[in-house]
Amino acid sequence: MKHEFFLSHSDDDLPLSLDWGEESTYRRFRDREDIFCQAVSLLLERRSRRGAHAPVVFICHAHGDPCSERWVIREFAPFLRQAGIRVILDRTDNGPGTSLIEFMDLILSVERVLVIGIPLFYQKSLPGSDSTVARELGRIVDRIRNDRMKDSVIPVLLAGEERTSLPRVLWDRVYVDLRGMENYHAQMFDLILQLYGLLDDPMVQEWRYHIQDGRPLV
C-alpha cells in the first residue's frame, strides 16, 4: 500500500524560534521538508509491512502563548495524525461538557506523553500554580515513578532553554529539539521513529541522514 505524506501548513504555523535569516536558509529548510515528507511516506509503507503498532499519544501543552498553541493545533498534531498516530489533544478531545479530570487521567493510560516545552509551560508548572499544566504534571510525575512507564514521557523543546521551558522532573530526559531550522525535520523524524519503535532500523536511519544533510532520496 502506497502512503503519500505531505505537510499542508503555512509559514505562520511554524514556531517563532525558527529564524529564517537569508533566502537560501529558507530554501534549504523547504528542501529538507520535501525529503522529510518522502522519508515519512516510505516509513509508513515500511511500518505497514512490518506491522509496527501505532501508539496513542497525549500532547501536554500550555495555553496562553498564541504561537505555540497554533503550532500544536495546526502543525504538530496534524503531522502526527497523518503519520498514523492517534493523538489525544485538549482542543479535540476535551470540549465543552466533557470531564477535565477524566481527560487528564488519560495521561496515565496512553502509551506516550509528549510535553511541549516553552517558557510559559515551565512557569505554569511551578509549585503553587493552580493551572491545568500543574495538574497534568502531577499525573506525569506518577507516570515517571512507574517503572513500566518511566521512559514513555518525551519532552519536545519548542522554545527557550531546557531548564526554563521544561519542568524540573524532565531535566534529565533526552528531548526532541525543534528550536533550530537545520535540525527541525530530522528531529521530527526521530520522534516518529521513537513512537513506532524503529530507531534501530538501519534503513530508516539512512533516510534520517538524508533529511539532515538535505540529500534527496533515490
N, C-alpha and C. Protein backbone atom coordinates (compact mmCIF):
# COMPACT_ATOMS: atom_id res chain seq x y z
N MET A 1 0.85 -1.20 0.00
CA MET A 1 0.00 0.00 0.00
C MET A 1 0.87 1.24 0.00
N LYS A 2 0.63 2.14 -0.91
CA LYS A 2 1.44 3.35 -1.02
C LYS A 2 0.86 4.45 -0.14
N HIS A 3 1.74 5.09 0.65
CA HIS A 3 1.33 6.17 1.54
C HIS A 3 1.92 7.48 1.02
N GLU A 4 1.08 8.48 0.87
CA GLU A 4 1.53 9.80 0.46
C GLU A 4 1.46 10.74 1.65
N PHE A 5 2.62 11.15 2.15
CA PHE A 5 2.65 12.04 3.31
C PHE A 5 3.01 13.45 2.83
N PHE A 6 2.29 14.44 3.33
CA PHE A 6 2.60 15.82 2.97
C PHE A 6 2.25 16.72 4.15
N LEU A 7 2.85 17.89 4.19
CA LEU A 7 2.56 18.88 5.22
C LEU A 7 1.82 20.05 4.57
N SER A 8 0.60 20.28 5.00
CA SER A 8 -0.20 21.37 4.43
C SER A 8 -0.29 22.49 5.45
N HIS A 9 0.77 23.27 5.55
CA HIS A 9 0.78 24.37 6.52
C HIS A 9 1.29 25.63 5.85
N SER A 10 1.13 26.74 6.54
CA SER A 10 1.73 28.00 6.11
C SER A 10 2.91 28.30 7.01
N ASP A 11 3.74 29.24 6.61
CA ASP A 11 4.88 29.62 7.45
C ASP A 11 4.42 30.11 8.82
N ASP A 12 3.22 30.68 8.91
CA ASP A 12 2.71 31.20 10.18
C ASP A 12 2.46 30.09 11.19
N ASP A 13 2.34 28.84 10.72
CA ASP A 13 2.08 27.73 11.63
C ASP A 13 3.36 27.21 12.29
N LEU A 14 4.51 27.64 11.80
CA LEU A 14 5.79 27.15 12.31
C LEU A 14 6.22 27.96 13.53
N PRO A 15 7.07 27.38 14.39
CA PRO A 15 7.48 28.08 15.61
C PRO A 15 8.24 29.37 15.33
N LEU A 16 8.03 30.38 16.16
CA LEU A 16 8.76 31.64 16.02
C LEU A 16 10.25 31.45 16.29
N SER A 17 10.60 30.35 16.98
CA SER A 17 12.01 30.11 17.30
C SER A 17 12.82 29.78 16.05
N LEU A 18 12.14 29.47 14.93
CA LEU A 18 12.86 29.22 13.68
C LEU A 18 13.20 30.56 13.04
N ASP A 19 14.49 30.83 12.91
CA ASP A 19 14.97 32.09 12.34
C ASP A 19 15.26 31.88 10.86
N TRP A 20 14.40 32.46 10.01
CA TRP A 20 14.55 32.24 8.58
C TRP A 20 15.86 32.80 8.04
N GLY A 21 16.30 33.93 8.54
CA GLY A 21 17.55 34.50 8.06
C GLY A 21 17.50 34.82 6.58
N GLU A 22 18.49 34.34 5.83
CA GLU A 22 18.58 34.63 4.41
C GLU A 22 17.64 33.72 3.61
N GLU A 23 17.39 34.13 2.38
CA GLU A 23 16.52 33.37 1.49
C GLU A 23 17.08 31.96 1.27
N SER A 24 18.39 31.82 1.21
CA SER A 24 19.00 30.50 1.00
C SER A 24 18.70 29.57 2.17
N THR A 25 18.63 30.11 3.38
CA THR A 25 18.30 29.31 4.56
C THR A 25 16.87 28.79 4.45
N TYR A 26 15.98 29.66 4.01
CA TYR A 26 14.58 29.27 3.83
C TYR A 26 14.46 28.17 2.77
N ARG A 27 15.20 28.31 1.67
CA ARG A 27 15.14 27.29 0.62
C ARG A 27 15.65 25.95 1.12
N ARG A 28 16.74 25.95 1.90
CA ARG A 28 17.26 24.69 2.45
C ARG A 28 16.23 24.04 3.38
N PHE A 29 15.54 24.86 4.15
CA PHE A 29 14.50 24.35 5.05
C PHE A 29 13.41 23.65 4.25
N ARG A 30 12.97 24.31 3.17
CA ARG A 30 11.91 23.72 2.35
C ARG A 30 12.41 22.49 1.60
N ASP A 31 13.66 22.46 1.19
CA ASP A 31 14.23 21.27 0.54
C ASP A 31 14.23 20.09 1.51
N ARG A 32 14.64 20.37 2.75
CA ARG A 32 14.62 19.30 3.76
C ARG A 32 13.19 18.82 4.02
N GLU A 33 12.25 19.75 3.97
CA GLU A 33 10.86 19.37 4.20
C GLU A 33 10.38 18.41 3.12
N ASP A 34 10.75 18.64 1.86
CA ASP A 34 10.37 17.73 0.78
C ASP A 34 10.95 16.34 1.02
N ILE A 35 12.23 16.29 1.41
CA ILE A 35 12.89 15.00 1.68
C ILE A 35 12.23 14.32 2.88
N PHE A 36 11.91 15.12 3.89
CA PHE A 36 11.24 14.62 5.09
C PHE A 36 9.92 13.96 4.73
N CYS A 37 9.12 14.61 3.91
CA CYS A 37 7.82 14.04 3.52
C CYS A 37 7.99 12.74 2.75
N GLN A 38 9.00 12.69 1.88
CA GLN A 38 9.28 11.44 1.16
C GLN A 38 9.67 10.33 2.13
N ALA A 39 10.53 10.68 3.10
CA ALA A 39 11.01 9.68 4.06
C ALA A 39 9.87 9.17 4.93
N VAL A 40 8.97 10.05 5.36
CA VAL A 40 7.85 9.61 6.18
C VAL A 40 6.92 8.71 5.37
N SER A 41 6.71 9.02 4.09
CA SER A 41 5.90 8.17 3.22
C SER A 41 6.50 6.76 3.15
N LEU A 42 7.82 6.69 2.96
CA LEU A 42 8.49 5.39 2.91
C LEU A 42 8.42 4.68 4.26
N LEU A 43 8.55 5.45 5.32
CA LEU A 43 8.47 4.89 6.66
C LEU A 43 7.11 4.25 6.93
N LEU A 44 6.04 4.92 6.48
CA LEU A 44 4.70 4.39 6.70
C LEU A 44 4.48 3.10 5.92
N GLU A 45 5.06 3.03 4.72
CA GLU A 45 4.98 1.78 3.96
C GLU A 45 5.73 0.67 4.69
N ARG A 46 6.90 1.00 5.20
CA ARG A 46 7.72 0.01 5.92
C ARG A 46 7.01 -0.43 7.21
N ARG A 47 6.42 0.53 7.91
CA ARG A 47 5.68 0.20 9.13
C ARG A 47 4.53 -0.75 8.83
N SER A 48 3.83 -0.47 7.71
CA SER A 48 2.70 -1.32 7.33
C SER A 48 3.16 -2.75 7.05
N ARG A 49 4.29 -2.89 6.36
CA ARG A 49 4.80 -4.22 6.04
C ARG A 49 5.25 -4.96 7.30
N ARG A 50 5.86 -4.22 8.24
CA ARG A 50 6.36 -4.85 9.46
C ARG A 50 5.29 -5.00 10.53
N GLY A 51 4.15 -4.36 10.32
CA GLY A 51 3.08 -4.46 11.29
C GLY A 51 3.38 -3.72 12.59
N ALA A 52 4.17 -2.65 12.50
CA ALA A 52 4.52 -1.87 13.69
C ALA A 52 3.27 -1.22 14.28
N HIS A 53 3.15 -1.31 15.59
CA HIS A 53 1.97 -0.78 16.28
C HIS A 53 1.96 0.74 16.25
N ALA A 54 0.80 1.33 15.98
CA ALA A 54 0.65 2.78 16.01
C ALA A 54 0.20 3.19 17.41
N PRO A 55 1.02 3.93 18.15
CA PRO A 55 0.70 4.25 19.54
C PRO A 55 -0.32 5.38 19.68
N VAL A 56 -0.86 5.48 20.88
CA VAL A 56 -1.71 6.60 21.26
C VAL A 56 -0.87 7.55 22.12
N VAL A 57 -0.86 8.85 21.76
CA VAL A 57 -0.05 9.82 22.49
C VAL A 57 -0.93 10.94 23.02
N PHE A 58 -0.55 11.46 24.17
CA PHE A 58 -1.22 12.60 24.81
C PHE A 58 -0.29 13.79 24.68
N ILE A 59 -0.77 14.90 24.10
CA ILE A 59 0.04 16.11 23.99
C ILE A 59 -0.29 17.03 25.15
N CYS A 60 0.72 17.31 25.96
CA CYS A 60 0.57 18.20 27.11
C CYS A 60 1.23 19.54 26.76
N HIS A 61 0.45 20.61 26.73
CA HIS A 61 0.99 21.91 26.35
C HIS A 61 0.31 23.01 27.15
N ALA A 62 0.93 24.18 27.14
CA ALA A 62 0.42 25.32 27.91
C ALA A 62 -0.44 26.22 27.03
N HIS A 63 -1.55 26.68 27.58
CA HIS A 63 -2.37 27.69 26.90
C HIS A 63 -1.88 29.09 27.30
N GLY A 64 -2.03 30.03 26.38
CA GLY A 64 -1.66 31.41 26.68
C GLY A 64 -0.59 31.97 25.79
N ASP A 65 0.07 31.09 25.00
CA ASP A 65 1.07 31.54 24.03
C ASP A 65 0.51 31.25 22.64
N PRO A 66 0.02 32.27 21.92
CA PRO A 66 -0.68 32.02 20.65
C PRO A 66 0.16 31.28 19.61
N CYS A 67 1.46 31.57 19.56
CA CYS A 67 2.31 30.94 18.54
C CYS A 67 2.43 29.44 18.79
N SER A 68 2.72 29.05 20.03
CA SER A 68 2.90 27.63 20.32
C SER A 68 1.56 26.89 20.22
N GLU A 69 0.48 27.52 20.63
CA GLU A 69 -0.83 26.89 20.51
C GLU A 69 -1.17 26.63 19.04
N ARG A 70 -0.92 27.62 18.20
CA ARG A 70 -1.20 27.46 16.77
C ARG A 70 -0.35 26.34 16.19
N TRP A 71 0.91 26.27 16.61
CA TRP A 71 1.80 25.22 16.11
C TRP A 71 1.29 23.84 16.52
N VAL A 72 0.91 23.68 17.77
CA VAL A 72 0.41 22.39 18.25
C VAL A 72 -0.83 21.97 17.48
N ILE A 73 -1.77 22.90 17.30
CA ILE A 73 -3.07 22.57 16.71
C ILE A 73 -2.99 22.42 15.18
N ARG A 74 -2.20 23.26 14.53
CA ARG A 74 -2.22 23.29 13.06
C ARG A 74 -1.02 22.62 12.40
N GLU A 75 0.05 22.37 13.16
CA GLU A 75 1.24 21.75 12.58
C GLU A 75 1.54 20.40 13.23
N PHE A 76 1.72 20.39 14.54
CA PHE A 76 2.24 19.21 15.23
C PHE A 76 1.22 18.07 15.29
N ALA A 77 0.04 18.34 15.82
CA ALA A 77 -0.97 17.28 15.94
C ALA A 77 -1.37 16.72 14.57
N PRO A 78 -1.63 17.58 13.55
CA PRO A 78 -1.95 17.02 12.23
C PRO A 78 -0.81 16.18 11.65
N PHE A 79 0.45 16.60 11.90
CA PHE A 79 1.60 15.83 11.44
C PHE A 79 1.59 14.42 12.03
N LEU A 80 1.37 14.33 13.34
CA LEU A 80 1.35 13.02 13.99
C LEU A 80 0.19 12.17 13.49
N ARG A 81 -0.97 12.78 13.34
CA ARG A 81 -2.14 12.02 12.87
C ARG A 81 -1.92 11.49 11.46
N GLN A 82 -1.34 12.32 10.60
CA GLN A 82 -1.11 11.87 9.23
C GLN A 82 -0.07 10.76 9.19
N ALA A 83 0.80 10.74 10.20
CA ALA A 83 1.80 9.68 10.30
C ALA A 83 1.23 8.42 10.94
N GLY A 84 -0.10 8.39 11.14
CA GLY A 84 -0.76 7.19 11.61
C GLY A 84 -0.84 7.05 13.11
N ILE A 85 -0.54 8.11 13.85
CA ILE A 85 -0.53 8.05 15.31
C ILE A 85 -1.81 8.66 15.86
N ARG A 86 -2.40 8.01 16.84
CA ARG A 86 -3.61 8.52 17.50
C ARG A 86 -3.19 9.60 18.49
N VAL A 87 -3.76 10.78 18.35
CA VAL A 87 -3.38 11.93 19.17
C VAL A 87 -4.52 12.30 20.11
N ILE A 88 -4.20 12.46 21.39
CA ILE A 88 -5.14 12.98 22.37
C ILE A 88 -4.74 14.42 22.65
N LEU A 89 -5.62 15.36 22.35
CA LEU A 89 -5.33 16.79 22.47
C LEU A 89 -6.56 17.49 23.04
N ASP A 90 -6.34 18.42 23.96
CA ASP A 90 -7.48 19.07 24.62
C ASP A 90 -8.44 19.71 23.63
N ARG A 91 -7.93 20.32 22.58
CA ARG A 91 -8.78 21.02 21.63
C ARG A 91 -9.81 20.09 20.97
N THR A 92 -9.41 18.84 20.74
CA THR A 92 -10.29 17.91 20.04
C THR A 92 -10.90 16.85 20.95
N ASP A 93 -10.33 16.65 22.13
CA ASP A 93 -10.79 15.55 22.99
C ASP A 93 -11.30 16.00 24.35
N ASN A 94 -11.33 17.29 24.61
CA ASN A 94 -11.81 17.78 25.91
C ASN A 94 -12.64 19.05 25.68
N GLY A 95 -13.68 18.89 24.88
CA GLY A 95 -14.54 20.03 24.54
C GLY A 95 -15.55 20.33 25.63
N PRO A 96 -16.38 21.33 25.41
CA PRO A 96 -17.40 21.73 26.38
C PRO A 96 -18.28 20.56 26.80
N GLY A 97 -18.50 20.44 28.10
CA GLY A 97 -19.36 19.39 28.63
C GLY A 97 -18.64 18.12 29.01
N THR A 98 -17.37 17.96 28.59
CA THR A 98 -16.61 16.77 28.95
C THR A 98 -15.86 17.00 30.26
N SER A 99 -15.41 15.93 30.87
CA SER A 99 -14.76 16.00 32.17
C SER A 99 -13.27 16.30 32.02
N LEU A 100 -12.81 17.37 32.67
CA LEU A 100 -11.39 17.71 32.65
C LEU A 100 -10.58 16.65 33.40
N ILE A 101 -11.12 16.16 34.51
CA ILE A 101 -10.40 15.16 35.30
C ILE A 101 -10.23 13.87 34.51
N GLU A 102 -11.30 13.42 33.87
CA GLU A 102 -11.20 12.20 33.07
C GLU A 102 -10.22 12.39 31.91
N PHE A 103 -10.23 13.59 31.33
CA PHE A 103 -9.29 13.86 30.24
C PHE A 103 -7.85 13.79 30.75
N MET A 104 -7.55 14.45 31.86
CA MET A 104 -6.19 14.44 32.38
C MET A 104 -5.76 13.05 32.81
N ASP A 105 -6.71 12.23 33.27
CA ASP A 105 -6.38 10.86 33.68
C ASP A 105 -5.90 10.00 32.52
N LEU A 106 -6.20 10.44 31.29
CA LEU A 106 -5.70 9.70 30.12
C LEU A 106 -4.17 9.69 30.08
N ILE A 107 -3.53 10.65 30.75
CA ILE A 107 -2.07 10.69 30.82
C ILE A 107 -1.53 9.39 31.40
N LEU A 108 -2.32 8.75 32.25
CA LEU A 108 -1.88 7.52 32.92
C LEU A 108 -2.17 6.26 32.11
N SER A 109 -2.93 6.39 31.02
CA SER A 109 -3.32 5.19 30.28
C SER A 109 -2.80 5.15 28.84
N VAL A 110 -2.43 6.30 28.27
CA VAL A 110 -1.91 6.29 26.89
C VAL A 110 -0.51 5.68 26.88
N GLU A 111 -0.01 5.42 25.67
CA GLU A 111 1.31 4.79 25.56
C GLU A 111 2.46 5.79 25.66
N ARG A 112 2.23 7.01 25.19
CA ARG A 112 3.27 8.03 25.26
C ARG A 112 2.66 9.37 25.62
N VAL A 113 3.44 10.19 26.33
CA VAL A 113 3.05 11.57 26.63
C VAL A 113 4.11 12.49 26.06
N LEU A 114 3.68 13.47 25.26
CA LEU A 114 4.59 14.45 24.67
C LEU A 114 4.38 15.78 25.39
N VAL A 115 5.44 16.30 26.00
CA VAL A 115 5.36 17.55 26.75
C VAL A 115 6.02 18.65 25.92
N ILE A 116 5.25 19.66 25.55
CA ILE A 116 5.75 20.74 24.70
C ILE A 116 6.39 21.82 25.58
N GLY A 117 7.70 21.92 25.51
CA GLY A 117 8.44 22.83 26.38
C GLY A 117 8.58 24.24 25.80
N ILE A 118 8.00 25.19 26.50
CA ILE A 118 8.19 26.62 26.23
C ILE A 118 8.28 27.31 27.59
N PRO A 119 8.80 28.54 27.68
CA PRO A 119 8.90 29.20 28.98
C PRO A 119 7.58 29.26 29.75
N LEU A 120 6.47 29.48 29.06
CA LEU A 120 5.19 29.56 29.74
C LEU A 120 4.81 28.23 30.39
N PHE A 121 5.17 27.13 29.75
CA PHE A 121 4.88 25.82 30.34
C PHE A 121 5.62 25.68 31.67
N TYR A 122 6.91 26.04 31.67
CA TYR A 122 7.69 25.95 32.90
C TYR A 122 7.07 26.81 34.00
N GLN A 123 6.69 28.03 33.67
CA GLN A 123 6.10 28.92 34.67
C GLN A 123 4.82 28.35 35.26
N LYS A 124 4.00 27.73 34.41
CA LYS A 124 2.74 27.17 34.89
C LYS A 124 2.93 25.86 35.65
N SER A 125 4.13 25.28 35.55
CA SER A 125 4.40 24.02 36.24
C SER A 125 4.99 24.21 37.62
N LEU A 126 5.30 25.46 37.99
CA LEU A 126 5.96 25.72 39.26
C LEU A 126 5.04 25.41 40.44
N PRO A 127 5.63 25.03 41.60
CA PRO A 127 4.82 24.74 42.78
C PRO A 127 3.93 25.93 43.15
N GLY A 128 2.71 25.64 43.54
CA GLY A 128 1.77 26.69 43.91
C GLY A 128 0.87 27.13 42.78
N SER A 129 1.21 26.71 41.57
CA SER A 129 0.37 27.08 40.43
C SER A 129 -0.91 26.24 40.43
N ASP A 130 -2.02 26.88 40.12
CA ASP A 130 -3.30 26.17 40.05
C ASP A 130 -3.71 25.94 38.61
N SER A 131 -2.75 25.91 37.72
CA SER A 131 -3.03 25.77 36.30
C SER A 131 -3.31 24.32 35.93
N THR A 132 -3.90 24.14 34.76
CA THR A 132 -4.11 22.79 34.23
C THR A 132 -2.78 22.10 34.01
N VAL A 133 -1.76 22.86 33.59
CA VAL A 133 -0.43 22.29 33.39
C VAL A 133 0.07 21.66 34.69
N ALA A 134 -0.08 22.36 35.81
CA ALA A 134 0.39 21.83 37.09
C ALA A 134 -0.33 20.54 37.45
N ARG A 135 -1.64 20.48 37.18
CA ARG A 135 -2.41 19.27 37.49
C ARG A 135 -2.02 18.13 36.55
N GLU A 136 -1.78 18.44 35.29
CA GLU A 136 -1.31 17.39 34.37
C GLU A 136 0.07 16.91 34.77
N LEU A 137 0.90 17.83 35.25
CA LEU A 137 2.25 17.46 35.65
C LEU A 137 2.23 16.46 36.81
N GLY A 138 1.27 16.62 37.72
CA GLY A 138 1.16 15.65 38.81
C GLY A 138 0.97 14.24 38.29
N ARG A 139 0.17 14.09 37.25
CA ARG A 139 -0.04 12.77 36.65
C ARG A 139 1.20 12.30 35.89
N ILE A 140 1.92 13.24 35.27
CA ILE A 140 3.16 12.88 34.59
C ILE A 140 4.18 12.35 35.59
N VAL A 141 4.27 12.98 36.76
CA VAL A 141 5.18 12.51 37.81
C VAL A 141 4.79 11.11 38.24
N ASP A 142 3.49 10.85 38.41
CA ASP A 142 3.04 9.50 38.76
C ASP A 142 3.46 8.50 37.69
N ARG A 143 3.38 8.92 36.45
CA ARG A 143 3.75 8.03 35.35
C ARG A 143 5.25 7.72 35.38
N ILE A 144 6.07 8.73 35.61
CA ILE A 144 7.51 8.54 35.64
C ILE A 144 7.93 7.65 36.79
N ARG A 145 7.20 7.70 37.89
CA ARG A 145 7.52 6.86 39.05
C ARG A 145 7.16 5.40 38.83
N ASN A 146 6.38 5.14 37.81
CA ASN A 146 6.02 3.77 37.47
C ASN A 146 7.12 3.18 36.59
N ASP A 147 7.81 2.15 37.06
CA ASP A 147 8.94 1.59 36.31
C ASP A 147 8.54 1.16 34.91
N ARG A 148 7.31 0.73 34.74
CA ARG A 148 6.87 0.25 33.43
C ARG A 148 6.69 1.39 32.43
N MET A 149 6.42 2.61 32.93
CA MET A 149 6.11 3.73 32.05
C MET A 149 7.10 4.89 32.16
N LYS A 150 8.16 4.75 32.94
CA LYS A 150 9.01 5.89 33.26
C LYS A 150 9.72 6.49 32.04
N ASP A 151 9.92 5.70 30.99
CA ASP A 151 10.61 6.21 29.80
C ASP A 151 9.65 6.61 28.69
N SER A 152 8.37 6.70 29.01
CA SER A 152 7.36 6.95 27.98
C SER A 152 6.93 8.41 27.90
N VAL A 153 7.57 9.28 28.68
CA VAL A 153 7.28 10.72 28.62
C VAL A 153 8.40 11.38 27.82
N ILE A 154 8.04 12.02 26.71
CA ILE A 154 9.04 12.59 25.80
C ILE A 154 8.91 14.11 25.79
N PRO A 155 9.95 14.83 26.25
CA PRO A 155 9.91 16.29 26.17
C PRO A 155 10.19 16.75 24.73
N VAL A 156 9.45 17.74 24.29
CA VAL A 156 9.64 18.36 22.97
C VAL A 156 9.95 19.83 23.23
N LEU A 157 11.19 20.22 23.04
CA LEU A 157 11.60 21.59 23.35
C LEU A 157 11.37 22.47 22.13
N LEU A 158 10.39 23.38 22.27
CA LEU A 158 9.98 24.23 21.15
C LEU A 158 10.61 25.62 21.21
N ALA A 159 10.83 26.12 22.42
CA ALA A 159 11.39 27.47 22.59
C ALA A 159 12.06 27.57 23.95
N GLY A 160 13.01 28.49 24.08
CA GLY A 160 13.70 28.68 25.35
C GLY A 160 14.77 27.63 25.58
N GLU A 161 15.15 27.46 26.83
CA GLU A 161 16.18 26.50 27.21
C GLU A 161 15.57 25.39 28.04
N GLU A 162 16.30 24.29 28.14
CA GLU A 162 15.79 23.12 28.84
C GLU A 162 15.29 23.46 30.25
N ARG A 163 16.07 24.23 31.00
CA ARG A 163 15.73 24.48 32.40
C ARG A 163 14.83 25.69 32.60
N THR A 164 14.45 26.33 31.52
CA THR A 164 13.47 27.43 31.64
C THR A 164 12.20 27.14 30.86
N SER A 165 12.14 25.97 30.22
CA SER A 165 10.96 25.63 29.41
C SER A 165 10.35 24.28 29.77
N LEU A 166 11.12 23.44 30.45
CA LEU A 166 10.63 22.12 30.85
C LEU A 166 10.57 22.03 32.37
N PRO A 167 9.61 21.29 32.92
CA PRO A 167 9.55 21.12 34.37
C PRO A 167 10.76 20.36 34.88
N ARG A 168 11.10 20.59 36.13
CA ARG A 168 12.31 20.01 36.72
C ARG A 168 12.37 18.49 36.55
N VAL A 169 11.23 17.83 36.66
CA VAL A 169 11.21 16.37 36.60
C VAL A 169 11.68 15.83 35.25
N LEU A 170 11.72 16.70 34.23
CA LEU A 170 12.15 16.26 32.89
C LEU A 170 13.53 16.76 32.51
N TRP A 171 14.24 17.40 33.43
CA TRP A 171 15.54 17.98 33.08
C TRP A 171 16.58 16.93 32.68
N ASP A 172 16.45 15.72 33.17
CA ASP A 172 17.45 14.70 32.83
C ASP A 172 17.03 13.84 31.64
N ARG A 173 15.95 14.22 30.99
CA ARG A 173 15.43 13.43 29.87
C ARG A 173 16.00 13.93 28.55
N VAL A 174 16.26 13.00 27.65
CA VAL A 174 16.63 13.38 26.29
C VAL A 174 15.39 13.97 25.62
N TYR A 175 15.55 15.15 25.03
CA TYR A 175 14.38 15.82 24.44
C TYR A 175 14.50 15.94 22.92
N VAL A 176 13.36 16.11 22.29
CA VAL A 176 13.30 16.42 20.86
C VAL A 176 13.49 17.92 20.72
N ASP A 177 14.49 18.34 19.98
CA ASP A 177 14.84 19.77 19.90
C ASP A 177 14.34 20.36 18.57
N LEU A 178 13.28 21.16 18.65
CA LEU A 178 12.70 21.75 17.45
C LEU A 178 12.96 23.25 17.37
N ARG A 179 14.03 23.71 17.99
CA ARG A 179 14.30 25.16 18.04
C ARG A 179 15.09 25.66 16.85
N GLY A 180 15.71 24.80 16.09
CA GLY A 180 16.57 25.27 15.01
C GLY A 180 16.14 24.77 13.65
N MET A 181 16.37 25.58 12.63
CA MET A 181 15.96 25.23 11.27
C MET A 181 16.73 24.05 10.71
N GLU A 182 18.03 23.95 11.07
CA GLU A 182 18.87 22.90 10.50
C GLU A 182 18.44 21.51 10.94
N ASN A 183 17.91 21.38 12.14
CA ASN A 183 17.59 20.06 12.69
C ASN A 183 16.10 19.79 12.81
N TYR A 184 15.27 20.74 12.45
CA TYR A 184 13.83 20.64 12.69
C TYR A 184 13.23 19.34 12.13
N HIS A 185 13.44 19.08 10.86
CA HIS A 185 12.81 17.92 10.24
C HIS A 185 13.47 16.61 10.68
N ALA A 186 14.78 16.60 10.89
CA ALA A 186 15.45 15.39 11.36
C ALA A 186 14.97 15.02 12.75
N GLN A 187 14.76 16.03 13.61
CA GLN A 187 14.27 15.77 14.96
C GLN A 187 12.81 15.27 14.94
N MET A 188 12.01 15.84 14.05
CA MET A 188 10.63 15.37 13.90
C MET A 188 10.62 13.90 13.44
N PHE A 189 11.52 13.58 12.55
CA PHE A 189 11.61 12.20 12.06
C PHE A 189 12.05 11.26 13.18
N ASP A 190 13.02 11.70 14.00
CA ASP A 190 13.45 10.90 15.14
C ASP A 190 12.28 10.61 16.08
N LEU A 191 11.42 11.60 16.27
CA LEU A 191 10.27 11.41 17.14
C LEU A 191 9.36 10.30 16.61
N ILE A 192 9.09 10.32 15.31
CA ILE A 192 8.25 9.29 14.71
C ILE A 192 8.90 7.92 14.88
N LEU A 193 10.21 7.84 14.67
CA LEU A 193 10.91 6.57 14.84
C LEU A 193 10.79 6.06 16.27
N GLN A 194 10.92 6.98 17.23
CA GLN A 194 10.80 6.60 18.63
C GLN A 194 9.39 6.09 18.93
N LEU A 195 8.37 6.79 18.43
CA LEU A 195 7.00 6.40 18.71
C LEU A 195 6.66 5.04 18.11
N TYR A 196 7.25 4.74 16.96
CA TYR A 196 6.98 3.45 16.31
C TYR A 196 7.98 2.35 16.72
N GLY A 197 8.97 2.70 17.53
CA GLY A 197 9.96 1.72 17.93
C GLY A 197 10.86 1.27 16.80
N LEU A 198 11.20 2.21 15.90
CA LEU A 198 12.02 1.87 14.73
C LEU A 198 13.39 2.56 14.74
N LEU A 199 13.82 3.02 15.90
CA LEU A 199 15.11 3.71 15.97
C LEU A 199 16.29 2.82 15.60
N ASP A 200 16.12 1.50 15.74
CA ASP A 200 17.22 0.59 15.44
C ASP A 200 17.16 0.03 14.03
N ASP A 201 16.25 0.56 13.20
CA ASP A 201 16.12 0.09 11.82
C ASP A 201 17.14 0.82 10.96
N PRO A 202 18.15 0.12 10.41
CA PRO A 202 19.21 0.80 9.65
C PRO A 202 18.72 1.51 8.40
N MET A 203 17.69 0.99 7.76
CA MET A 203 17.18 1.62 6.55
C MET A 203 16.59 2.99 6.86
N VAL A 204 15.74 3.07 7.87
CA VAL A 204 15.12 4.35 8.18
C VAL A 204 16.14 5.33 8.76
N GLN A 205 17.18 4.81 9.40
CA GLN A 205 18.24 5.69 9.87
C GLN A 205 18.96 6.33 8.70
N GLU A 206 19.11 5.61 7.61
CA GLU A 206 19.73 6.17 6.41
C GLU A 206 18.86 7.29 5.85
N TRP A 207 17.56 7.14 5.88
CA TRP A 207 16.66 8.21 5.44
C TRP A 207 16.83 9.43 6.32
N ARG A 208 17.04 9.18 7.59
CA ARG A 208 17.22 10.29 8.55
C ARG A 208 18.46 11.11 8.18
N TYR A 209 19.54 10.43 7.78
CA TYR A 209 20.75 11.15 7.38
C TYR A 209 20.50 11.99 6.12
N HIS A 210 19.68 11.48 5.24
CA HIS A 210 19.33 12.24 4.03
C HIS A 210 18.59 13.52 4.42
N ILE A 211 17.67 13.42 5.36
CA ILE A 211 16.94 14.60 5.82
C ILE A 211 17.90 15.62 6.43
N GLN A 212 18.76 15.13 7.30
CA GLN A 212 19.71 16.01 8.00
C GLN A 212 20.62 16.73 7.02
N ASP A 213 21.11 15.99 6.02
CA ASP A 213 22.08 16.55 5.08
C ASP A 213 21.42 17.27 3.91
N GLY A 214 20.12 17.15 3.77
CA GLY A 214 19.44 17.75 2.63
C GLY A 214 19.72 17.04 1.34
N ARG A 215 19.97 15.73 1.41
CA ARG A 215 20.25 14.93 0.21
C ARG A 215 18.99 14.22 -0.26
N PRO A 216 18.60 14.38 -1.51
CA PRO A 216 17.37 13.74 -2.00
C PRO A 216 17.43 12.24 -1.86
N LEU A 217 16.29 11.63 -1.63
CA LEU A 217 16.20 10.17 -1.60
C LEU A 217 16.13 9.66 -3.02
N VAL A 218 16.77 8.53 -3.27
CA VAL A 218 16.76 7.95 -4.61
C VAL A 218 16.02 6.63 -4.59
